[in-house]
């Protein structure tokens, strides 16, 4: 966890009226991992706790799935596609643009990993309900459309 979390920007634009994107925002934290399996941009990912070496359990990620006890430790959303064993940057706190979220989930809804065994799409966040035993990983900040939404990731890593 080498990310610097000092506050560096207070501006919303560059002074000429051009808005900064999330790429320039210090209101988010990004960490680099290695993909245990293919990961798509926007996927909700989890730590791969199936790895044998203890240090690798916090180094490798894969698409999260709350129906699998090995894929339940969700930590954030992938920024770009990554092939198996490739490096992948993950938003672990703050704003993430175009996260994979089921269409129709409203702004303000809390999000969790999908339940693939019940028919949810792997890597696509679903709405949290009180009956779930896993904690929310993010809040939807824009109603999901086209299975994408901007989210605010709750730091858990």
C-alpha atoms as a PDB file:
ATOM      1  CA  UNK A   1       0.000   0.000   0.000  1.00  0.00           C
ATOM      2  CA  UNK A   2       2.249   2.684  -1.299  1.00  0.00           C
ATOM      3  CA  UNK A   3      -0.357   5.257  -2.222  1.00  0.00           C
ATOM      4  CA  UNK A   4       0.175   8.755  -0.865  1.00  0.00           C
ATOM      5  CA  UNK A   5      -3.084   9.957   0.713  1.00  0.00           C
ATOM      6  CA  UNK A   6      -2.088  13.560   1.384  1.00  0.00           C
ATOM      7  CA  UNK A   7      -4.591  16.157   0.161  1.00  0.00           C
ATOM      8  CA  UNK A   8      -3.038  17.839  -2.876  1.00  0.00           C
ATOM      9  CA  UNK A   9      -5.862  19.380  -4.938  1.00  0.00           C
ATOM     10  CA  UNK A  10      -8.678  21.642  -3.836  1.00  0.00           C
ATOM     11  CA  UNK A  11      -9.513  22.935  -7.328  1.00  0.00           C
ATOM     12  CA  UNK A  12     -12.420  21.593  -9.390  1.00  0.00           C
ATOM     13  CA  UNK A  13     -10.952  22.941 -12.656  1.00  0.00           C
ATOM     14  CA  UNK A  14      -7.651  23.974 -14.206  1.00  0.00           C
ATOM     15  CA  UNK A  15      -8.289  27.717 -13.918  1.00  0.00           C
ATOM     16  CA  UNK A  16      -9.491  27.996 -17.516  1.00  0.00           C
ATOM     17  CA  UNK A  17     -12.825  26.363 -16.724  1.00  0.00           C
ATOM     18  CA  UNK A  18     -11.801  22.828 -17.771  1.00  0.00           C
ATOM     19  CA  UNK A  19     -13.055  20.387 -15.148  1.00  0.00           C
ATOM     20  CA  UNK A  20     -10.611  17.870 -13.688  1.00  0.00           C
ATOM     21  CA  UNK A  21     -11.595  14.217 -14.112  1.00  0.00           C
ATOM     22  CA  UNK A  22     -11.249  11.474 -11.516  1.00  0.00           C
ATOM     23  CA  UNK A  23      -7.769  10.851 -12.956  1.00  0.00           C
ATOM     24  CA  UNK A  24      -6.588  14.060 -11.305  1.00  0.00           C
ATOM     25  CA  UNK A  25      -8.662  13.782  -8.152  1.00  0.00           C
ATOM     26  CA  UNK A  26      -7.005  13.162  -4.848  1.00  0.00           C
ATOM     27  CA  UNK A  27     -10.441  12.232  -3.591  1.00  0.00           C
ATOM     28  CA  UNK A  28      -9.723   8.640  -4.550  1.00  0.00           C
ATOM     29  CA  UNK A  29      -7.074   6.055  -3.814  1.00  0.00           C
ATOM     30  CA  UNK A  30      -5.739   3.608  -6.384  1.00  0.00           C
ATOM     31  CA  UNK A  31      -3.653   0.515  -5.673  1.00  0.00           C
ATOM     32  CA  UNK A  32      -1.956  -1.856  -8.133  1.00  0.00           C
ATOM     33  CA  UNK A  33      -2.555  -5.613  -7.951  1.00  0.00           C
ATOM     34  CA  UNK A  34      -2.029  -8.685 -10.153  1.00  0.00           C
ATOM     35  CA  UNK A  35      -5.084 -10.292 -11.755  1.00  0.00           C
ATOM     36  CA  UNK A  36      -5.536 -13.987 -10.850  1.00  0.00           C
ATOM     37  CA  UNK A  37      -7.959 -14.268 -13.763  1.00  0.00           C
ATOM     38  CA  UNK A  38      -9.140 -11.910 -16.478  1.00  0.00           C
ATOM     39  CA  UNK A  39     -10.680  -8.689 -15.115  1.00  0.00           C
ATOM     40  CA  UNK A  40     -12.720  -6.182 -17.119  1.00  0.00           C
ATOM     41  CA  UNK A  41     -12.640  -2.423 -16.631  1.00  0.00           C
ATOM     42  CA  UNK A  42     -15.234  -1.494 -14.019  1.00  0.00           C
ATOM     43  CA  UNK A  43     -15.447  -4.957 -12.441  1.00  0.00           C
ATOM     44  CA  UNK A  44     -15.870  -5.147  -8.695  1.00  0.00           C
ATOM     45  CA  UNK A  45     -12.842  -7.133  -7.540  1.00  0.00           C
ATOM     46  CA  UNK A  46     -11.818  -9.028  -4.430  1.00  0.00           C
ATOM     47  CA  UNK A  47      -8.623 -10.322  -2.916  1.00  0.00           C
ATOM     48  CA  UNK A  48      -7.713 -13.834  -4.068  1.00  0.00           C
ATOM     49  CA  UNK A  49      -7.553 -15.566  -0.710  1.00  0.00           C
ATOM     50  CA  UNK A  50      -7.045 -18.971  -2.390  1.00  0.00           C
ATOM     51  CA  UNK A  51      -3.362 -18.151  -2.930  1.00  0.00           C
ATOM     52  CA  UNK A  52      -1.055 -20.346  -0.849  1.00  0.00           C
ATOM     53  CA  UNK A  53       1.551 -17.742   0.102  1.00  0.00           C
ATOM     54  CA  UNK A  54       0.245 -15.310   2.703  1.00  0.00           C
ATOM     55  CA  UNK A  55       1.721 -12.252   0.956  1.00  0.00           C
ATOM     56  CA  UNK A  56      -0.021 -13.213  -2.310  1.00  0.00           C
ATOM     57  CA  UNK A  57      -3.457 -13.116  -0.644  1.00  0.00           C
ATOM     58  CA  UNK A  58      -3.163  -9.310  -0.601  1.00  0.00           C
ATOM     59  CA  UNK A  59      -1.450  -9.048  -4.001  1.00  0.00           C
ATOM     60  CA  UNK A  60      -3.784 -10.904  -6.379  1.00  0.00           C
ATOM     61  CA  UNK A  61      -7.373  -9.952  -7.276  1.00  0.00           C
ATOM     62  CA  UNK A  62     -10.219 -11.433  -9.307  1.00  0.00           C
ATOM     63  CA  UNK A  63     -13.874 -10.548  -9.985  1.00  0.00           C
ATOM     64  CA  UNK A  64     -15.808 -10.640  -6.714  1.00  0.00           C
ATOM     65  CA  UNK A  65     -18.666 -13.094  -6.069  1.00  0.00           C
ATOM     66  CA  UNK A  66     -20.465 -13.126  -2.725  1.00  0.00           C
ATOM     67  CA  UNK A  67     -21.772 -16.676  -3.372  1.00  0.00           C
ATOM     68  CA  UNK A  68     -18.190 -17.981  -3.067  1.00  0.00           C
ATOM     69  CA  UNK A  69     -16.409 -17.783   0.280  1.00  0.00           C
ATOM     70  CA  UNK A  70     -13.137 -17.443  -1.660  1.00  0.00           C
ATOM     71  CA  UNK A  71     -14.321 -14.385  -3.619  1.00  0.00           C
ATOM     72  CA  UNK A  72     -16.120 -12.385  -0.954  1.00  0.00           C
ATOM     73  CA  UNK A  73     -13.390  -9.969   0.231  1.00  0.00           C
ATOM     74  CA  UNK A  74     -14.355  -7.133  -2.157  1.00  0.00           C
ATOM     75  CA  UNK A  75     -11.945  -4.182  -2.162  1.00  0.00           C
ATOM     76  CA  UNK A  76     -12.819  -1.947  -5.112  1.00  0.00           C
ATOM     77  CA  UNK A  77     -13.281  -1.557  -8.875  1.00  0.00           C
ATOM     78  CA  UNK A  78     -10.814  -2.260 -11.694  1.00  0.00           C
ATOM     79  CA  UNK A  79      -9.782   0.800 -13.694  1.00  0.00           C
ATOM     80  CA  UNK A  80      -8.866  -1.090 -16.896  1.00  0.00           C
ATOM     81  CA  UNK A  81      -9.031  -4.553 -18.451  1.00  0.00           C
ATOM     82  CA  UNK A  82      -6.352  -6.989 -17.321  1.00  0.00           C
ATOM     83  CA  UNK A  83      -5.453 -10.459 -18.498  1.00  0.00           C
ATOM     84  CA  UNK A  84      -4.553 -13.252 -16.102  1.00  0.00           C
ATOM     85  CA  UNK A  85      -1.249 -12.453 -14.315  1.00  0.00           C
ATOM     86  CA  UNK A  86      -1.225  -8.862 -15.630  1.00  0.00           C
ATOM     87  CA  UNK A  87      -1.093  -5.825 -13.369  1.00  0.00           C
ATOM     88  CA  UNK A  88      -4.381  -4.031 -12.727  1.00  0.00           C
ATOM     89  CA  UNK A  89      -5.061  -0.718 -10.993  1.00  0.00           C
ATOM     90  CA  UNK A  90      -8.022  -0.749  -8.608  1.00  0.00           C
ATOM     91  CA  UNK A  91      -9.907   2.165  -7.049  1.00  0.00           C
ATOM     92  CA  UNK A  92      -9.957   1.171  -3.363  1.00  0.00           C
ATOM     93  CA  UNK A  93     -11.407   4.436  -2.016  1.00  0.00           C
ATOM     94  CA  UNK A  94     -13.214   7.449  -3.428  1.00  0.00           C
ATOM     95  CA  UNK A  95     -14.739   8.196  -6.820  1.00  0.00           C
ATOM     96  CA  UNK A  96     -14.698   5.615  -9.598  1.00  0.00           C
ATOM     97  CA  UNK A  97     -16.184   6.423 -13.014  1.00  0.00           C
ATOM     98  CA  UNK A  98     -18.121   3.768 -14.944  1.00  0.00           C
ATOM     99  CA  UNK A  99     -18.162   0.922 -12.460  1.00  0.00           C
ATOM    100  CA  UNK A 100     -20.007  -2.227 -13.521  1.00  0.00           C
ATOM    101  CA  UNK A 101     -23.369  -1.843 -11.723  1.00  0.00           C
ATOM    102  CA  UNK A 102     -26.708  -3.438 -12.634  1.00  0.00           C
ATOM    103  CA  UNK A 103     -28.923  -1.069 -14.626  1.00  0.00           C
ATOM    104  CA  UNK A 104     -31.582   0.742 -12.619  1.00  0.00           C
ATOM    105  CA  UNK A 105     -29.813   0.818  -9.265  1.00  0.00           C
ATOM    106  CA  UNK A 106     -30.517   4.323  -7.986  1.00  0.00           C
ATOM    107  CA  UNK A 107     -28.137   7.012  -6.856  1.00  0.00           C
ATOM    108  CA  UNK A 108     -27.530   6.642  -3.123  1.00  0.00           C
ATOM    109  CA  UNK A 109     -27.894   2.862  -3.120  1.00  0.00           C
ATOM    110  CA  UNK A 110     -25.236   0.818  -1.350  1.00  0.00           C
ATOM    111  CA  UNK A 111     -23.423  -1.752  -3.483  1.00  0.00           C
ATOM    112  CA  UNK A 112     -22.056  -5.255  -2.882  1.00  0.00           C
ATOM    113  CA  UNK A 113     -20.434  -7.995  -4.926  1.00  0.00           C
ATOM    114  CA  UNK A 114     -22.774 -10.052  -7.134  1.00  0.00           C
ATOM    115  CA  UNK A 115     -24.234 -13.426  -6.184  1.00  0.00           C
ATOM    116  CA  UNK A 116     -23.248 -15.374  -9.298  1.00  0.00           C
ATOM    117  CA  UNK A 117     -24.833 -18.604  -8.027  1.00  0.00           C
ATOM    118  CA  UNK A 118     -28.206 -16.816  -7.975  1.00  0.00           C
ATOM    119  CA  UNK A 119     -27.843 -15.505 -11.521  1.00  0.00           C
ATOM    120  CA  UNK A 120     -26.058 -12.173 -11.005  1.00  0.00           C
ATOM    121  CA  UNK A 121     -23.401 -11.271 -13.586  1.00  0.00           C
ATOM    122  CA  UNK A 122     -19.824 -11.832 -12.433  1.00  0.00           C
ATOM    123  CA  UNK A 123     -17.977  -8.573 -11.755  1.00  0.00           C
ATOM    124  CA  UNK A 124     -21.144  -6.425 -11.748  1.00  0.00           C
ATOM    125  CA  UNK A 125     -22.070  -4.825  -8.414  1.00  0.00           C
ATOM    126  CA  UNK A 126     -25.575  -5.334  -7.052  1.00  0.00           C
ATOM    127  CA  UNK A 127     -27.680  -3.430  -4.528  1.00  0.00           C
ATOM    128  CA  UNK A 128     -27.099  -4.151  -0.836  1.00  0.00           C
ATOM    129  CA  UNK A 129     -30.036  -5.399   1.239  1.00  0.00           C
ATOM    130  CA  UNK A 130     -30.233  -5.692   5.024  1.00  0.00           C
ATOM    131  CA  UNK A 131     -30.377  -9.498   4.846  1.00  0.00           C
ATOM    132  CA  UNK A 132     -26.853  -9.760   3.407  1.00  0.00           C
ATOM    133  CA  UNK A 133     -23.908 -10.774   5.576  1.00  0.00           C
ATOM    134  CA  UNK A 134     -21.312  -8.900   3.476  1.00  0.00           C
ATOM    135  CA  UNK A 135     -20.650  -5.180   3.939  1.00  0.00           C
ATOM    136  CA  UNK A 136     -21.341  -2.625   1.200  1.00  0.00           C
ATOM    137  CA  UNK A 137     -18.251  -1.713  -0.836  1.00  0.00           C
ATOM    138  CA  UNK A 138     -19.566   1.487  -2.467  1.00  0.00           C
ATOM    139  CA  UNK A 139     -22.376   3.987  -2.923  1.00  0.00           C
ATOM    140  CA  UNK A 140     -23.927   4.630  -6.322  1.00  0.00           C
ATOM    141  CA  UNK A 141     -23.583   8.378  -7.072  1.00  0.00           C
ATOM    142  CA  UNK A 142     -25.502   8.210 -10.361  1.00  0.00           C
ATOM    143  CA  UNK A 143     -28.381   5.903 -11.332  1.00  0.00           C
ATOM    144  CA  UNK A 144     -26.947   2.949 -13.254  1.00  0.00           C
ATOM    145  CA  UNK A 145     -27.596   2.918 -16.986  1.00  0.00           C
ATOM    146  CA  UNK A 146     -26.213   0.434 -19.504  1.00  0.00           C
ATOM    147  CA  UNK A 147     -24.877  -1.559 -16.532  1.00  0.00           C
ATOM    148  CA  UNK A 148     -22.525   1.321 -15.639  1.00  0.00           C
ATOM    149  CA  UNK A 149     -22.588   3.925 -12.879  1.00  0.00           C
ATOM    150  CA  UNK A 150     -20.247   6.307 -11.126  1.00  0.00           C
ATOM    151  CA  UNK A 151     -19.651   5.130  -7.562  1.00  0.00           C
ATOM    152  CA  UNK A 152     -17.942   6.227  -4.365  1.00  0.00           C
ATOM    153  CA  UNK A 153     -15.862   3.342  -2.997  1.00  0.00           C
ATOM    154  CA  UNK A 154     -15.832   2.831   0.771  1.00  0.00           C
ATOM    155  CA  UNK A 155     -12.244   2.124   1.823  1.00  0.00           C
ATOM    156  CA  UNK A 156     -11.847  -1.463   2.991  1.00  0.00           C
ATOM    157  CA  UNK A 157      -8.264  -2.120   1.942  1.00  0.00           C
END
